[in-house]
Amino acid sequence: MSFRPVFEAHPWDAVQASIYAKTPADVERALAAPRRTLDDFKALISPAAAPYLEQMAQLSHRLTRNRFGNTMQLYVPLYLSNECQNICTYCGFSLDNKLKRRTLSSVEMMAEAAVLKGWGYDHVLLVTGEANQTVGVDYLEKALKTLRPHFAHLSMEVQPLDQVDYERLIPEGLNTVLVYQETYHQDDYKKHHPKGKKSNFHYRLDTPDRLGRAGIHKMGLGVLIGLEDWRTDCFYTALHLDYLEKTYWQTKYSLSFPRLRPAEGLLQPKVEMSDRELVQLICAYRLLNEEVELSISTRETPSFRDQVIKLGITSISAGSKTNPGGYAVAPESLEQFEISDERSPADIAAMLRRQGYEPVWKDWDAALA
């Protein structure tokens, strides 16, 4: 099984045209449907849905509270390395960006972990650049073994790996893997990834299949909003999610909405997405899928995050640093991208409680899933 035949059966131009052809009647039909289809999702992310945003938001809020209650999961990235063999037009870690490279040792990992544990975190997302020789499977296995005794839940956002590699890491405590396609526009993908293993569009596209076959507990999907038309790109994310849920039904899924943020010497967004449009997208995903987890990061502003958590979000990062060693070891090193919400985890937790949410500092135990 592979997502590739499904993907190839949906040409980009045809998908884009069908989204922009949706009418208010299509939106109203989608809102009234007891169970929404991918075609309904096209209507909900289309320009025609903009006047229905309040109705979408109220329904999204109700569906989220019915399924997830009043809990909000908190997570934090732990950047282990900024070494990378890829050239990517949008990333501060890009190979052609002249910066001091750093990869944390086990001792340095523990110094970072001590800060995060002191903040209350039990769920950590391990992040590296894509450098197989430096931060390959051996390094990742060592990191999991080092940190597993100290955290209840370990996620990774690293280079795509082979199935056998995931099968090696899962027994060491790897619970969740995030792998973003960046863009599903194949031609423009090549423009943004001209060099390195990441330039292989199909290898990256097939990564969730390798994860599913390896038996990962949860995987996260998404695109980098701003590289291409967001409506079309996000339809492909929904199409990918639909395929994965049907094929690897025992795996859980999450979606993220990273908007392109400034980074050292890199490109500006090709397509600007307004706050209202991001709200529309979040609500559309929730109306399509009541089970999927939706995450919002510190890329977004404090005021926006305070408002959007009520509209479908189930997990939120806090206190994030996007440079290796940023919490304790090397806070001055170059970040992957600039964050926007610099509030402390305690401040975020207090904000959540004021809004009636219970902060959860670790992911759900696998035994309860």
Protein backbone atom coordinates (compact mmCIF):
# COMPACT_ATOMS: atom_id res chain seq x y z
CA MET A 1 0.00 0.00 0.00
CA SER A 2 1.15 3.51 -0.78
CA PHE A 3 -0.41 6.96 -0.82
CA ARG A 4 1.27 7.72 -4.13
CA PRO A 5 -1.49 6.37 -6.44
CA VAL A 6 -4.10 8.32 -4.45
CA PHE A 7 -1.99 11.46 -4.71
CA GLU A 8 -1.40 11.05 -8.43
CA ALA A 9 -5.15 10.62 -9.04
CA HIS A 10 -5.68 14.22 -7.86
CA PRO A 11 -3.79 16.63 -10.17
CA TRP A 12 -2.92 19.94 -8.50
CA ASP A 13 -4.57 22.22 -11.05
CA ALA A 14 -7.82 20.25 -11.00
CA VAL A 15 -7.94 20.24 -7.20
CA GLN A 16 -7.24 23.96 -7.03
CA ALA A 17 -9.93 24.76 -9.59
CA SER A 18 -12.52 22.65 -7.78
CA ILE A 19 -11.85 24.44 -4.48
CA TYR A 20 -12.20 27.91 -5.97
CA ALA A 21 -15.37 26.88 -7.81
CA LYS A 22 -17.25 26.10 -4.59
CA THR A 23 -20.37 28.17 -3.92
CA PRO A 24 -22.25 29.31 -0.79
CA ALA A 25 -24.71 26.48 -1.44
CA ASP A 26 -21.82 23.99 -1.27
CA VAL A 27 -20.71 25.49 2.05
CA GLU A 28 -24.21 25.35 3.52
CA ARG A 29 -24.56 21.74 2.40
CA ALA A 30 -21.23 20.89 4.08
CA LEU A 31 -22.24 22.60 7.32
CA ALA A 32 -25.54 20.69 7.41
CA ALA A 33 -24.02 17.29 6.66
CA PRO A 34 -24.00 14.80 9.56
CA ARG A 35 -20.64 13.45 8.29
CA ARG A 36 -18.46 15.51 5.99
CA THR A 37 -16.55 14.30 2.96
CA LEU A 38 -13.36 15.53 1.34
CA ASP A 39 -15.52 17.37 -1.16
CA ASP A 40 -17.25 19.11 1.76
CA PHE A 41 -13.80 20.01 3.08
CA LYS A 42 -13.05 21.75 -0.22
CA ALA A 43 -16.13 23.89 0.30
CA LEU A 44 -15.17 24.72 3.89
CA ILE A 45 -11.68 25.94 2.92
CA SER A 46 -12.88 27.79 -0.17
CA PRO A 47 -13.27 31.57 -0.42
CA ALA A 48 -17.04 30.97 -0.46
CA ALA A 49 -16.89 29.84 3.19
CA ALA A 50 -15.50 33.13 4.52
CA PRO A 51 -18.93 34.59 5.44
CA TYR A 52 -19.73 31.41 7.41
CA LEU A 53 -16.72 31.64 9.72
CA GLU A 54 -18.72 32.30 12.90
CA GLN A 55 -20.95 29.29 12.26
CA MET A 56 -17.91 27.13 11.52
CA ALA A 57 -16.17 28.32 14.69
CA GLN A 58 -19.13 27.55 16.93
CA LEU A 59 -19.54 24.08 15.48
CA SER A 60 -15.80 23.39 15.67
CA HIS A 61 -15.73 24.44 19.33
CA ARG A 62 -18.65 22.19 20.18
CA LEU A 63 -17.23 19.16 18.38
CA THR A 64 -13.84 19.61 20.03
CA ARG A 65 -15.23 19.92 23.55
CA ASN A 66 -17.48 16.91 23.00
CA ARG A 67 -14.51 14.75 21.96
CA PHE A 68 -11.58 16.16 23.98
CA GLY A 69 -13.30 17.78 26.95
CA ASN A 70 -11.66 20.74 28.66
CA THR A 71 -8.07 19.44 28.50
CA MET A 72 -5.24 21.04 26.54
CA GLN A 73 -1.99 19.18 26.00
CA LEU A 74 1.24 21.17 26.39
CA TYR A 75 4.43 20.16 24.60
CA VAL A 76 7.84 21.64 24.00
CA PRO A 77 10.52 21.09 21.32
CA LEU A 78 14.01 20.05 22.38
CA TYR A 79 16.39 20.89 19.53
CA LEU A 80 19.27 18.42 19.55
CA SER A 81 21.20 19.58 16.47
CA ASN A 82 21.21 22.26 13.76
CA GLU A 83 23.49 20.29 11.43
CA CYS A 84 21.84 19.68 8.07
CA GLN A 85 22.85 18.36 4.66
CA ASN A 86 19.88 19.89 2.83
CA ILE A 87 19.45 23.24 1.14
CA CYS A 88 15.94 24.52 1.89
CA THR A 89 14.90 28.03 0.92
CA TYR A 90 12.90 28.66 4.11
CA CYS A 91 14.96 27.14 6.95
CA GLY A 92 17.62 28.70 9.13
CA PHE A 93 19.45 25.36 9.33
CA SER A 94 19.90 25.18 5.52
CA LEU A 95 23.34 23.92 4.43
CA ASP A 96 24.11 27.15 2.56
CA ASN A 97 23.38 29.27 5.63
CA LYS A 98 26.72 30.02 7.28
CA LEU A 99 26.21 29.46 10.97
CA LYS A 100 27.93 27.68 13.81
CA ARG A 101 26.69 24.10 13.84
CA ARG A 102 26.03 22.33 17.11
CA THR A 103 24.93 18.83 18.11
CA LEU A 104 24.18 18.15 21.75
CA SER A 105 26.00 15.44 23.68
CA SER A 106 24.18 13.21 26.13
CA VAL A 107 25.33 15.44 28.99
CA GLU A 108 24.03 18.53 27.20
CA MET A 109 20.72 16.77 26.46
CA MET A 110 20.29 16.16 30.17
CA ALA A 111 21.02 19.82 30.98
CA GLU A 112 18.26 20.83 28.57
CA ALA A 113 15.95 18.16 29.96
CA ALA A 114 16.47 19.41 33.50
CA VAL A 115 15.10 22.83 32.54
CA LEU A 116 12.06 21.32 30.79
CA LYS A 117 11.34 18.99 33.69
CA GLY A 118 11.57 21.97 36.04
CA TRP A 119 8.87 23.68 33.99
CA GLY A 120 6.64 20.63 34.42
CA TYR A 121 6.96 19.01 31.00
CA ASP A 122 6.59 15.26 30.57
CA HIS A 123 6.09 15.41 26.77
CA VAL A 124 9.08 16.47 24.65
CA LEU A 125 9.47 16.79 20.88
CA LEU A 126 13.03 15.99 19.78
CA VAL A 127 14.11 18.02 16.72
CA THR A 128 17.21 17.87 14.54
CA GLY A 129 18.31 18.97 11.12
CA GLU A 130 18.70 16.32 8.45
CA ALA A 131 22.32 15.13 8.61
CA ASN A 132 22.57 11.37 8.39
CA GLN A 133 26.26 11.15 9.25
CA THR A 134 25.97 13.28 12.38
CA VAL A 135 22.41 12.81 13.64
CA GLY A 136 21.51 9.51 12.02
CA VAL A 137 19.78 6.52 13.54
CA ASP A 138 22.60 5.74 15.98
CA TYR A 139 22.44 9.26 17.42
CA LEU A 140 18.65 9.23 17.60
CA GLU A 141 18.66 5.87 19.38
CA LYS A 142 21.19 7.24 21.89
CA ALA A 143 19.03 10.32 22.47
CA LEU A 144 15.95 8.19 23.13
CA LYS A 145 17.84 5.98 25.59
CA THR A 146 19.22 9.05 27.36
CA LEU A 147 15.89 10.85 27.72
CA ARG A 148 13.38 8.00 28.02
CA PRO A 149 13.84 7.54 31.80
CA HIS A 150 12.97 11.20 32.36
CA PHE A 151 9.90 11.76 30.15
CA ALA A 152 6.63 9.88 29.76
CA HIS A 153 6.33 10.71 26.06
CA LEU A 154 8.97 11.26 23.37
CA SER A 155 8.16 12.57 19.89
CA MET A 156 10.49 13.26 17.00
CA GLU A 157 10.67 15.70 14.11
CA VAL A 158 13.80 14.58 12.28
CA GLN A 159 14.83 13.36 8.83
CA PRO A 160 12.57 10.75 7.23
CA LEU A 161 13.89 7.26 7.87
CA ASP A 162 13.47 3.79 6.43
CA GLN A 163 10.88 1.46 7.94
CA VAL A 164 13.56 -0.70 9.56
CA ASP A 165 14.94 2.39 11.32
CA TYR A 166 11.55 3.26 12.79
CA GLU A 167 11.18 -0.37 13.91
CA ARG A 168 14.52 0.02 15.70
CA LEU A 169 13.58 3.28 17.44
CA ILE A 170 10.02 2.51 18.54
CA PRO A 171 11.10 -0.04 21.22
CA GLU A 172 13.47 2.63 22.61
CA GLY A 173 10.52 4.87 23.48
CA LEU A 174 9.66 6.66 20.25
CA ASN A 175 5.92 7.30 20.45
CA THR A 176 5.18 9.93 17.79
CA VAL A 177 6.83 11.14 14.59
CA LEU A 178 6.02 14.44 12.88
CA VAL A 179 6.79 14.55 9.17
CA TYR A 180 5.61 17.53 7.16
CA GLN A 181 5.52 17.34 3.38
CA GLU A 182 6.21 21.12 3.33
CA THR A 183 4.26 21.37 0.04
CA TYR A 184 2.44 18.83 -2.11
CA HIS A 185 3.13 20.91 -5.23
CA GLN A 186 5.74 18.63 -6.77
CA ASP A 187 7.39 21.13 -9.12
CA ASP A 188 7.67 23.87 -6.51
CA TYR A 189 8.86 21.33 -3.94
CA LYS A 190 11.96 20.91 -6.12
CA LYS A 191 12.51 24.68 -6.15
CA HIS A 192 12.45 24.86 -2.34
CA HIS A 193 14.61 21.74 -1.83
CA PRO A 194 17.32 21.91 -4.51
CA LYS A 195 19.97 19.83 -2.72
CA GLY A 196 20.16 17.02 -0.19
CA LYS A 197 18.13 13.91 0.54
CA LYS A 198 15.08 16.08 1.22
CA SER A 199 14.97 16.94 -2.49
CA ASN A 200 13.48 13.47 -3.08
CA PHE A 201 9.78 14.37 -3.12
CA HIS A 202 8.48 10.80 -3.28
CA TYR A 203 10.69 9.48 -0.48
CA ARG A 204 9.25 12.12 1.80
CA LEU A 205 5.72 11.50 0.53
CA ASP A 206 6.07 7.81 1.36
CA THR A 207 7.33 8.41 4.92
CA PRO A 208 3.92 8.13 6.65
CA ASP A 209 3.43 4.76 4.94
CA ARG A 210 6.76 3.55 6.35
CA LEU A 211 5.73 4.82 9.77
CA GLY A 212 2.37 3.09 9.55
CA ARG A 213 3.91 -0.22 8.56
CA ALA A 214 6.41 0.12 11.42
CA GLY A 215 3.54 0.44 13.88
CA ILE A 216 4.10 3.98 15.19
CA HIS A 217 1.61 5.04 17.87
CA LYS A 218 0.97 8.50 16.40
CA MET A 219 2.13 10.58 13.46
CA GLY A 220 1.77 14.25 12.66
CA LEU A 221 1.15 15.77 9.23
CA GLY A 222 1.11 19.25 7.77
CA VAL A 223 2.49 21.67 5.20
CA LEU A 224 4.50 24.85 5.57
CA ILE A 225 1.84 27.45 4.91
CA GLY A 226 3.19 30.16 2.64
CA LEU A 227 5.15 28.05 0.15
CA GLU A 228 2.13 27.49 -2.09
CA ASP A 229 -1.62 28.13 -2.29
CA TRP A 230 -2.66 27.14 1.21
CA ARG A 231 -6.11 25.88 0.29
CA THR A 232 -4.80 23.40 -2.26
CA ASP A 233 -1.87 22.27 -0.13
CA CYS A 234 -4.13 21.70 2.86
CA PHE A 235 -6.59 19.67 0.80
CA TYR A 236 -3.75 17.26 0.05
CA THR A 237 -2.99 17.05 3.76
CA ALA A 238 -6.63 16.11 4.35
CA LEU A 239 -6.47 13.59 1.49
CA HIS A 240 -3.30 12.09 2.98
CA LEU A 241 -4.89 11.89 6.43
CA ASP A 242 -7.98 10.21 5.03
CA TYR A 243 -5.86 7.56 3.30
CA LEU A 244 -3.71 6.94 6.39
CA GLU A 245 -6.63 6.58 8.77
CA LYS A 246 -8.21 3.98 6.51
CA THR A 247 -4.94 2.11 5.92
CA TYR A 248 -3.25 2.31 9.35
CA TRP A 249 -6.34 2.57 11.51
CA GLN A 250 -4.55 1.69 14.76
CA THR A 251 -2.33 4.77 14.50
CA LYS A 252 -3.41 8.14 15.90
CA TYR A 253 -2.94 11.38 13.96
CA SER A 254 -2.29 15.06 14.54
CA LEU A 255 -2.18 18.10 12.28
CA SER A 256 -0.17 21.29 12.62
CA PHE A 257 -0.47 24.66 10.89
CA PRO A 258 3.01 26.21 10.65
CA ARG A 259 2.91 29.53 8.84
CA LEU A 260 6.21 30.54 7.24
CA ARG A 261 8.15 32.63 9.76
CA PRO A 262 11.24 34.81 9.26
CA ALA A 263 14.59 33.02 9.38
CA GLU A 264 18.17 34.13 8.76
CA GLY A 265 18.49 35.41 5.17
CA LEU A 266 15.59 33.40 3.75
CA LEU A 267 12.55 33.83 1.55
CA GLN A 268 9.34 35.62 2.33
CA PRO A 269 6.02 33.74 1.99
CA LYS A 270 4.78 33.29 -1.57
CA VAL A 271 1.22 33.31 -0.26
CA GLU A 272 0.10 35.27 2.80
CA MET A 273 -2.49 33.62 5.02
CA SER A 274 -4.53 35.93 7.23
CA ASP A 275 -5.53 35.08 10.79
CA ARG A 276 -9.14 34.68 9.68
CA GLU A 277 -8.06 32.23 7.00
CA LEU A 278 -6.07 30.20 9.51
CA VAL A 279 -9.13 30.07 11.76
CA GLN A 280 -11.15 28.92 8.75
CA LEU A 281 -8.65 26.13 8.05
CA ILE A 282 -8.55 24.93 11.67
CA CYS A 283 -12.33 24.81 11.85
CA ALA A 284 -12.57 23.05 8.48
CA TYR A 285 -10.22 20.30 9.64
CA ARG A 286 -12.25 19.84 12.82
CA LEU A 287 -15.53 19.69 10.91
CA LEU A 288 -14.01 17.08 8.60
CA ASN A 289 -12.47 14.96 11.36
CA GLU A 290 -13.65 14.98 14.96
CA GLU A 291 -10.87 12.64 16.16
CA VAL A 292 -7.70 14.23 14.81
CA GLU A 293 -5.54 16.25 17.21
CA LEU A 294 -4.87 19.85 16.15
CA SER A 295 -1.76 21.68 17.33
CA ILE A 296 -0.73 25.34 17.38
CA SER A 297 2.86 26.42 18.04
CA THR A 298 4.69 29.49 19.29
CA ARG A 299 5.07 30.67 15.68
CA GLU A 300 1.76 32.47 16.29
CA THR A 301 1.18 35.61 18.36
CA PRO A 302 -0.04 35.49 21.96
CA SER A 303 -3.35 37.19 21.15
CA PHE A 304 -4.07 34.84 18.26
CA ARG A 305 -3.22 31.73 20.27
CA ASP A 306 -5.38 32.87 23.18
CA GLN A 307 -8.38 33.06 20.86
CA VAL A 308 -7.83 30.09 18.58
CA ILE A 309 -7.47 27.45 21.29
CA LYS A 310 -11.24 27.58 21.74
CA LEU A 311 -11.92 26.76 18.09
CA GLY A 312 -10.57 23.23 17.69
CA ILE A 313 -7.02 23.13 19.08
CA THR A 314 -6.06 20.22 21.36
CA SER A 315 -2.33 20.83 21.92
CA ILE A 316 -0.17 23.92 22.30
CA SER A 317 3.55 24.53 22.74
CA ALA A 318 4.95 26.92 25.32
CA GLY A 319 8.37 28.31 26.18
CA SER A 320 9.80 27.01 22.91
CA LYS A 321 13.38 27.58 21.76
CA THR A 322 14.27 26.59 18.19
CA ASN A 323 18.04 26.39 18.57
CA PRO A 324 20.06 23.43 19.93
CA GLY A 325 20.88 24.08 23.56
CA GLY A 326 18.48 27.01 23.69
CA TYR A 327 17.16 26.31 27.19
CA ALA A 328 20.42 25.93 29.12
CA VAL A 329 23.48 25.00 27.04
CA ALA A 330 23.74 27.58 24.24
CA PRO A 331 20.88 30.10 24.30
CA GLU A 332 22.76 32.39 21.91
CA SER A 333 22.95 29.96 18.96
CA LEU A 334 21.00 30.62 15.76
CA GLU A 335 17.33 29.65 15.79
CA GLN A 336 15.65 27.64 13.02
CA PHE A 337 12.97 30.33 12.82
CA GLU A 338 11.76 33.22 14.97
CA ILE A 339 9.04 32.45 17.49
CA SER A 340 6.25 34.91 18.22
CA ASP A 341 4.76 33.84 21.56
CA GLU A 342 7.54 34.14 24.13
CA ARG A 343 5.43 33.59 27.23
CA SER A 344 6.63 31.04 29.77
CA PRO A 345 4.95 27.66 30.19
CA ALA A 346 3.57 28.85 33.54
CA ASP A 347 2.01 31.89 31.84
CA ILE A 348 0.44 29.70 29.15
CA ALA A 349 -0.90 27.29 31.76
CA ALA A 350 -2.43 30.19 33.69
CA MET A 351 -4.04 31.52 30.51
CA LEU A 352 -5.54 28.10 29.78
CA ARG A 353 -6.99 27.83 33.29
CA ARG A 354 -8.56 31.28 32.98
CA GLN A 355 -10.34 30.02 29.87
CA GLY A 356 -11.59 26.91 31.62
CA TYR A 357 -9.02 24.42 30.33
CA GLU A 358 -6.94 21.93 32.27
CA PRO A 359 -3.28 21.93 31.13
CA VAL A 360 -1.95 18.41 30.53
CA TRP A 361 1.84 18.22 30.66
CA LYS A 362 2.25 14.89 28.89
CA ASP A 363 0.59 13.07 26.05
CA TRP A 364 -2.00 10.43 26.72
CA ASP A 365 -0.50 7.16 27.97
CA ALA A 366 -0.36 4.54 25.24
CA ALA A 367 -2.11 2.14 27.61
CA LEU A 368 -5.13 4.47 27.64
CA ALA A 369 -5.23 5.07 23.89
